[in-house]
Amino acid sequence: MTEKATLAGGCFWCTEAIFRRIKGVLSVTPGYSGGTTENPTYEQVSSGESWHAEAIQIEFDPEKISFEKLLEIFFHTHDPTALNRQGADTGPQYRSAVFYHNEAQKKQTEKMIKNLNQTDVFGQKIVTEVTPFINFFPAEESHLEYYEKNRNAPYCRVVIDPKIRKLLAEYREDLKPEMVK
């Protein structure tokens, strides 16, 4: 049986590229979650007016990777202390959020945030939104596997490549063998 996780950690091109590489992850879909507009477009989300976050929806096998491990990777591959921004990307669409699918995910997320704050891992308090999952709308086709299709694009080289290098350095044992490159 598979489970779903819906996470927002800034640009969905970044988070999709990271989680596609993780063992036990069966699929990663970039899209929009947490807002008020039905079937929003990238332009509507980018304006910040739809209140959706750029997010990913992960389908994973909990026998191969735990939700807790997904959270650990999530928190360590973006800045969960930045309110409504990741790097140069600013606005509510780039907020850090966990849209939990059940009470267990909520409790695990809250526990991890508490532990990370208590140990002062980031030097600042985590501002990640922890909210019930309500909706998810897949992004347009042009955003799917963006990093894989556009590795030489300036954004990929400057923003995503360093995140992938960090993932390789810190989570190599959690990567699919074909993704250890």
Protein backbone atom coordinates (compact mmCIF):
# COMPACT_ATOMS: atom_id res chain seq x y z
CA MET A 1 0.00 0.00 0.00
CA THR A 2 1.32 3.45 -0.88
CA GLU A 3 0.95 6.77 0.91
CA LYS A 4 1.01 10.40 -0.15
CA ALA A 5 2.91 13.38 1.18
CA THR A 6 2.31 16.95 0.01
CA LEU A 7 5.17 19.35 0.68
CA ALA A 8 5.98 22.93 -0.28
CA GLY A 9 9.58 24.05 0.00
CA GLY A 10 9.81 26.97 -2.39
CA CYS A 11 10.22 26.33 -6.08
CA PHE A 12 8.64 23.03 -7.10
CA TRP A 13 11.31 22.50 -9.73
CA CYS A 14 13.78 22.13 -6.85
CA THR A 15 11.69 19.89 -4.62
CA GLU A 16 10.64 17.65 -7.50
CA ALA A 17 14.28 17.18 -8.54
CA ILE A 18 15.24 16.23 -4.99
CA PHE A 19 12.46 13.75 -4.22
CA ARG A 20 12.56 12.00 -7.63
CA ARG A 21 15.95 10.69 -6.51
CA ILE A 22 14.84 9.10 -3.23
CA LYS A 23 14.44 5.32 -2.76
CA GLY A 24 10.86 4.34 -2.04
CA VAL A 25 9.43 7.37 -3.84
CA LEU A 26 7.22 6.08 -6.62
CA SER A 27 6.18 9.39 -8.15
CA VAL A 28 6.56 13.12 -7.63
CA THR A 29 4.10 15.56 -9.14
CA PRO A 30 4.72 19.30 -9.05
CA GLY A 31 1.64 21.43 -8.54
CA TYR A 32 -0.24 23.83 -6.35
CA SER A 33 -1.69 23.28 -2.89
CA GLY A 34 -3.22 25.20 -0.03
CA GLY A 35 -4.94 27.97 -1.93
CA THR A 36 -8.42 29.10 -2.77
CA THR A 37 -8.49 29.04 -6.58
CA GLU A 38 -9.78 25.90 -8.32
CA ASN A 39 -7.38 24.57 -10.99
CA PRO A 40 -5.02 27.54 -10.83
CA THR A 41 -2.54 28.35 -13.56
CA TYR A 42 1.14 28.99 -12.98
CA GLU A 43 0.50 32.69 -13.64
CA GLN A 44 -2.25 32.83 -11.00
CA VAL A 45 -0.05 31.09 -8.43
CA SER A 46 3.00 33.21 -9.33
CA SER A 47 1.00 36.38 -8.69
CA GLY A 48 0.51 35.25 -5.07
CA GLU A 49 -3.20 36.00 -5.31
CA SER A 50 -4.43 32.39 -5.39
CA TRP A 51 -2.75 31.69 -2.01
CA HIS A 52 -1.52 28.36 -3.36
CA ALA A 53 2.03 27.27 -2.65
CA GLU A 54 4.20 25.67 -5.29
CA ALA A 55 4.17 22.14 -3.92
CA ILE A 56 4.90 18.55 -4.77
CA GLN A 57 2.79 15.52 -4.15
CA ILE A 58 4.83 12.41 -3.43
CA GLU A 59 3.53 8.87 -3.70
CA PHE A 60 5.79 6.64 -1.64
CA ASP A 61 6.12 3.10 -0.32
CA PRO A 62 6.22 3.38 3.50
CA GLU A 63 7.94 -0.01 3.69
CA LYS A 64 10.91 1.45 1.77
CA ILE A 65 10.96 5.00 3.13
CA SER A 66 9.19 6.51 6.08
CA PHE A 67 7.28 9.77 6.14
CA GLU A 68 9.72 10.85 8.85
CA LYS A 69 12.69 10.32 6.51
CA LEU A 70 10.91 12.31 3.79
CA LEU A 71 10.44 15.11 6.33
CA GLU A 72 14.09 15.00 7.33
CA ILE A 73 15.18 15.37 3.71
CA PHE A 74 12.57 18.10 3.16
CA PHE A 75 13.75 20.19 6.12
CA HIS A 76 17.42 19.83 5.19
CA THR A 77 17.08 20.71 1.49
CA HIS A 78 15.30 24.07 1.81
CA ASP A 79 15.20 26.93 4.32
CA PRO A 80 12.28 26.26 6.68
CA THR A 81 13.06 29.46 8.62
CA ALA A 82 12.32 31.84 5.73
CA LEU A 83 8.78 33.21 5.73
CA ASN A 84 7.26 33.28 2.24
CA ARG A 85 10.57 33.00 0.44
CA GLN A 86 13.31 30.68 -0.72
CA GLY A 87 16.42 32.49 -1.89
CA ALA A 88 15.43 35.16 -4.41
CA ASP A 89 11.93 33.68 -4.84
CA THR A 90 9.50 35.67 -2.68
CA GLY A 91 5.78 35.52 -1.99
CA PRO A 92 3.30 33.16 -0.32
CA GLN A 93 3.61 30.77 -3.27
CA TYR A 94 7.17 29.99 -2.06
CA ARG A 95 6.27 29.33 1.58
CA SER A 96 7.44 26.28 3.46
CA ALA A 97 4.50 23.99 4.24
CA VAL A 98 3.54 20.43 5.07
CA PHE A 99 -0.01 19.63 4.01
CA TYR A 100 -0.62 16.56 6.14
CA HIS A 101 -2.90 13.75 4.93
CA ASN A 102 -3.63 12.21 8.33
CA GLU A 103 -3.14 12.71 12.05
CA ALA A 104 0.05 10.61 12.07
CA GLN A 105 1.68 12.90 9.49
CA LYS A 106 0.61 15.95 11.51
CA LYS A 107 2.11 14.56 14.73
CA GLN A 108 5.36 13.49 13.04
CA THR A 109 5.75 16.92 11.44
CA GLU A 110 5.07 18.79 14.67
CA LYS A 111 7.48 16.52 16.57
CA MET A 112 10.24 17.03 14.00
CA ILE A 113 9.79 20.81 14.01
CA LYS A 114 9.88 20.83 17.82
CA ASN A 115 13.07 18.74 17.85
CA LEU A 116 14.78 20.85 15.18
CA ASN A 117 13.88 24.04 17.04
CA GLN A 118 15.04 22.65 20.41
CA THR A 119 18.39 21.63 18.97
CA ASP A 120 18.64 24.96 17.10
CA VAL A 121 19.68 23.19 13.90
CA PHE A 122 18.95 26.23 11.72
CA GLY A 123 19.88 29.02 14.13
CA GLN A 124 16.34 30.43 13.80
CA LYS A 125 12.85 29.16 14.49
CA ILE A 126 11.14 27.10 11.79
CA VAL A 127 8.18 28.88 10.15
CA THR A 128 6.94 25.89 8.14
CA GLU A 129 3.16 25.86 7.93
CA VAL A 130 1.60 22.60 9.15
CA THR A 131 -1.92 22.43 7.79
CA PRO A 132 -4.44 19.79 6.73
CA PHE A 133 -4.33 18.71 3.11
CA ILE A 134 -7.29 20.17 1.25
CA ASN A 135 -6.37 20.28 -2.40
CA PHE A 136 -3.65 19.66 -4.94
CA PHE A 137 -3.69 20.68 -8.57
CA PRO A 138 -0.98 19.28 -10.87
CA ALA A 139 1.16 21.89 -12.61
CA GLU A 140 1.18 22.37 -16.34
CA GLU A 141 3.13 19.88 -18.46
CA SER A 142 6.03 22.34 -18.98
CA HIS A 143 6.86 22.11 -15.25
CA LEU A 144 7.08 18.30 -15.07
CA GLU A 145 10.64 17.03 -14.67
CA TYR A 146 11.82 20.59 -15.28
CA TYR A 147 15.29 20.05 -13.88
CA GLU A 148 15.87 16.86 -15.85
CA LYS A 149 14.84 18.57 -19.10
CA ASN A 150 16.60 21.91 -18.48
CA ARG A 151 19.81 21.17 -16.60
CA ASN A 152 21.77 23.84 -18.45
CA ALA A 153 19.23 26.58 -17.75
CA PRO A 154 20.71 29.29 -15.50
CA TYR A 155 18.12 28.70 -12.73
CA CYS A 156 18.92 24.98 -12.67
CA ARG A 157 22.66 25.54 -12.56
CA VAL A 158 22.57 28.29 -9.90
CA VAL A 159 19.69 27.19 -7.67
CA ILE A 160 18.94 23.48 -8.16
CA ASP A 161 22.43 22.05 -8.77
CA PRO A 162 23.68 23.06 -5.28
CA LYS A 163 20.63 21.40 -3.69
CA ILE A 164 21.31 18.19 -5.64
CA ARG A 165 24.98 18.28 -4.58
CA LYS A 166 23.89 18.68 -0.94
CA LEU A 167 21.46 15.77 -1.35
CA LEU A 168 24.24 13.59 -2.80
CA ALA A 169 26.59 14.53 0.05
CA GLU A 170 24.13 14.10 2.92
CA TYR A 171 21.65 11.45 1.75
CA ARG A 172 23.56 9.24 -0.70
CA GLU A 173 22.37 6.05 1.05
CA ASP A 174 18.74 7.13 0.52
CA LEU A 175 19.09 7.66 -3.23
CA LYS A 176 17.94 5.38 -6.00
CA PRO A 177 21.08 3.74 -7.47
CA GLU A 178 20.49 5.29 -10.91
CA MET A 179 20.36 8.76 -9.31
CA VAL A 180 23.75 8.65 -7.60
CA LYS A 181 25.54 10.79 -10.17
